[in-house]
Amino acid sequence: MINRERTRAAMNSSRDASAKTYTSIISLSSIVITISSIVSLPNLLSKAATVQVVDGTTLSGK
């Protein structure tokens, strides 16, 4: 009986620890995604600007 209760407590504690690690991993990944999107925003804007500039030069060249 005592062994069964100990194993149950150990399983519960390991389950809680795994849930905490999952939530921390998910929060870390979401933070990384937001940081990467913030960093990639200027790159996307500059790409759009260069595309517009290229279109303008080609239109003026024609």
N, C-alpha and C. Protein backbone atom coordinates (compact mmCIF):
# COMPACT_ATOMS: atom_id res chain seq x y z
N MET A 1 0.84 -1.21 0.00
CA MET A 1 0.00 0.00 0.00
C MET A 1 0.87 1.26 0.00
N ILE A 2 1.90 1.28 0.83
CA ILE A 2 2.77 2.46 0.90
C ILE A 2 3.51 2.63 -0.42
N ASN A 3 3.98 1.53 -1.00
CA ASN A 3 4.69 1.63 -2.27
C ASN A 3 3.78 2.18 -3.37
N ARG A 4 2.53 1.72 -3.38
CA ARG A 4 1.60 2.18 -4.40
C ARG A 4 1.37 3.69 -4.27
N GLU A 5 1.23 4.18 -3.04
CA GLU A 5 1.02 5.62 -2.83
C GLU A 5 2.27 6.40 -3.24
N ARG A 6 3.44 5.85 -2.95
CA ARG A 6 4.68 6.54 -3.33
C ARG A 6 4.80 6.63 -4.85
N THR A 7 4.52 5.53 -5.53
CA THR A 7 4.63 5.56 -7.00
C THR A 7 3.60 6.53 -7.58
N ARG A 8 2.40 6.57 -6.98
CA ARG A 8 1.38 7.50 -7.47
C ARG A 8 1.84 8.94 -7.28
N ALA A 9 2.43 9.26 -6.14
CA ALA A 9 2.92 10.61 -5.88
C ALA A 9 4.06 10.93 -6.85
N ALA A 10 4.93 9.97 -7.10
CA ALA A 10 6.05 10.21 -8.02
C ALA A 10 5.51 10.46 -9.43
N MET A 11 4.51 9.67 -9.84
CA MET A 11 3.94 9.87 -11.18
C MET A 11 3.28 11.23 -11.28
N ASN A 12 2.57 11.65 -10.22
CA ASN A 12 1.91 12.97 -10.25
C ASN A 12 2.94 14.08 -10.33
N SER A 13 4.02 13.97 -9.56
CA SER A 13 5.02 15.03 -9.58
C SER A 13 5.71 15.08 -10.93
N SER A 14 6.00 13.92 -11.51
CA SER A 14 6.65 13.93 -12.83
C SER A 14 5.69 14.49 -13.88
N ARG A 15 4.41 14.20 -13.74
CA ARG A 15 3.42 14.72 -14.69
C ARG A 15 3.35 16.25 -14.59
N ASP A 16 3.36 16.77 -13.36
CA ASP A 16 3.35 18.22 -13.17
C ASP A 16 4.61 18.84 -13.76
N ALA A 17 5.76 18.21 -13.56
CA ALA A 17 7.01 18.75 -14.08
C ALA A 17 6.99 18.76 -15.61
N SER A 18 6.47 17.70 -16.21
CA SER A 18 6.42 17.65 -17.68
C SER A 18 5.46 18.71 -18.21
N ALA A 19 4.36 18.92 -17.52
CA ALA A 19 3.42 19.95 -17.96
C ALA A 19 4.06 21.33 -17.86
N LYS A 20 4.81 21.56 -16.79
CA LYS A 20 5.48 22.86 -16.64
C LYS A 20 6.52 23.05 -17.74
N THR A 21 7.26 22.00 -18.06
CA THR A 21 8.27 22.13 -19.12
C THR A 21 7.58 22.37 -20.46
N TYR A 22 6.46 21.71 -20.71
CA TYR A 22 5.73 21.93 -21.97
C TYR A 22 5.27 23.39 -22.07
N THR A 23 4.70 23.91 -20.99
CA THR A 23 4.22 25.30 -21.03
C THR A 23 5.38 26.26 -21.19
N SER A 24 6.51 25.99 -20.54
CA SER A 24 7.66 26.89 -20.68
C SER A 24 8.20 26.82 -22.11
N ILE A 25 8.23 25.63 -22.70
CA ILE A 25 8.71 25.49 -24.08
C ILE A 25 7.77 26.25 -25.03
N ILE A 26 6.47 26.13 -24.80
CA ILE A 26 5.50 26.81 -25.67
C ILE A 26 5.65 28.31 -25.54
N SER A 27 5.81 28.81 -24.31
CA SER A 27 5.96 30.25 -24.12
C SER A 27 7.26 30.74 -24.73
N LEU A 28 8.34 29.97 -24.59
CA LEU A 28 9.61 30.36 -25.19
C LEU A 28 9.49 30.40 -26.71
N SER A 29 8.84 29.40 -27.29
CA SER A 29 8.70 29.38 -28.75
C SER A 29 7.86 30.55 -29.24
N SER A 30 6.82 30.91 -28.49
CA SER A 30 5.99 32.05 -28.89
C SER A 30 6.79 33.34 -28.80
N ILE A 31 7.63 33.46 -27.76
CA ILE A 31 8.47 34.66 -27.64
C ILE A 31 9.45 34.73 -28.81
N VAL A 32 10.03 33.58 -29.16
CA VAL A 32 10.99 33.56 -30.28
C VAL A 32 10.29 33.92 -31.58
N ILE A 33 9.06 33.43 -31.76
CA ILE A 33 8.32 33.73 -32.99
C ILE A 33 8.02 35.22 -33.07
N THR A 34 7.61 35.82 -31.95
CA THR A 34 7.31 37.26 -31.98
C THR A 34 8.58 38.06 -32.25
N ILE A 35 9.69 37.67 -31.63
CA ILE A 35 10.95 38.39 -31.86
C ILE A 35 11.36 38.26 -33.32
N SER A 36 11.25 37.06 -33.87
CA SER A 36 11.66 36.86 -35.26
C SER A 36 10.74 37.63 -36.20
N SER A 37 9.46 37.71 -35.90
CA SER A 37 8.55 38.48 -36.76
C SER A 37 8.86 39.97 -36.67
N ILE A 38 9.19 40.45 -35.47
CA ILE A 38 9.55 41.87 -35.32
C ILE A 38 10.84 42.15 -36.09
N VAL A 39 11.77 41.22 -36.04
CA VAL A 39 13.05 41.42 -36.74
C VAL A 39 12.84 41.34 -38.26
N SER A 40 11.94 40.46 -38.70
CA SER A 40 11.74 40.28 -40.13
C SER A 40 10.85 41.37 -40.73
N LEU A 41 10.14 42.13 -39.92
CA LEU A 41 9.29 43.19 -40.46
C LEU A 41 10.08 44.24 -41.24
N PRO A 42 11.18 44.78 -40.71
CA PRO A 42 11.96 45.75 -41.51
C PRO A 42 12.49 45.12 -42.80
N ASN A 43 12.89 43.85 -42.73
CA ASN A 43 13.37 43.18 -43.94
C ASN A 43 12.27 43.10 -44.99
N LEU A 44 11.05 42.76 -44.57
CA LEU A 44 9.94 42.69 -45.52
C LEU A 44 9.64 44.07 -46.08
N LEU A 45 9.67 45.09 -45.22
CA LEU A 45 9.38 46.44 -45.69
C LEU A 45 10.45 46.90 -46.68
N SER A 46 11.72 46.60 -46.37
CA SER A 46 12.79 47.01 -47.28
C SER A 46 12.68 46.25 -48.60
N LYS A 47 12.28 44.97 -48.53
CA LYS A 47 12.10 44.20 -49.77
C LYS A 47 10.98 44.82 -50.61
N ALA A 48 9.89 45.20 -49.95
CA ALA A 48 8.79 45.83 -50.69
C ALA A 48 9.25 47.15 -51.29
N ALA A 49 10.05 47.92 -50.54
CA ALA A 49 10.54 49.20 -51.04
C ALA A 49 11.46 48.97 -52.24
N THR A 50 12.33 47.97 -52.15
CA THR A 50 13.24 47.71 -53.27
C THR A 50 12.44 47.24 -54.48
N VAL A 51 11.40 46.45 -54.25
CA VAL A 51 10.58 46.01 -55.38
C VAL A 51 9.91 47.21 -56.03
N GLN A 52 9.40 48.12 -55.21
CA GLN A 52 8.77 49.32 -55.76
C GLN A 52 9.80 50.16 -56.52
N VAL A 53 11.00 50.27 -55.97
CA VAL A 53 12.05 51.04 -56.65
C VAL A 53 12.40 50.38 -57.97
N VAL A 54 12.52 49.05 -57.95
CA VAL A 54 12.86 48.33 -59.18
C VAL A 54 11.74 48.52 -60.20
N ASP A 55 10.50 48.44 -59.75
CA ASP A 55 9.38 48.66 -60.68
C ASP A 55 9.43 50.08 -61.23
N GLY A 56 9.75 51.05 -60.39
CA GLY A 56 9.82 52.43 -60.85
C GLY A 56 10.92 52.60 -61.88
N THR A 57 12.08 52.00 -61.66
CA THR A 57 13.19 52.15 -62.60
C THR A 57 12.84 51.45 -63.91
N THR A 58 12.20 50.29 -63.84
CA THR A 58 11.86 49.61 -65.08
C THR A 58 10.80 50.41 -65.84
N LEU A 59 9.84 50.99 -65.10
CA LEU A 59 8.82 51.80 -65.79
C LEU A 59 9.46 53.03 -66.43
N SER A 60 10.39 53.65 -65.69
CA SER A 60 11.03 54.84 -66.24
C SER A 60 11.97 54.43 -67.39
N GLY A 61 12.57 53.25 -67.29
CA GLY A 61 13.45 52.79 -68.36
C GLY A 61 12.66 52.52 -69.63
N LYS A 62 11.46 52.00 -69.50
CA LYS A 62 10.63 51.76 -70.67
C LYS A 62 10.16 53.10 -71.22
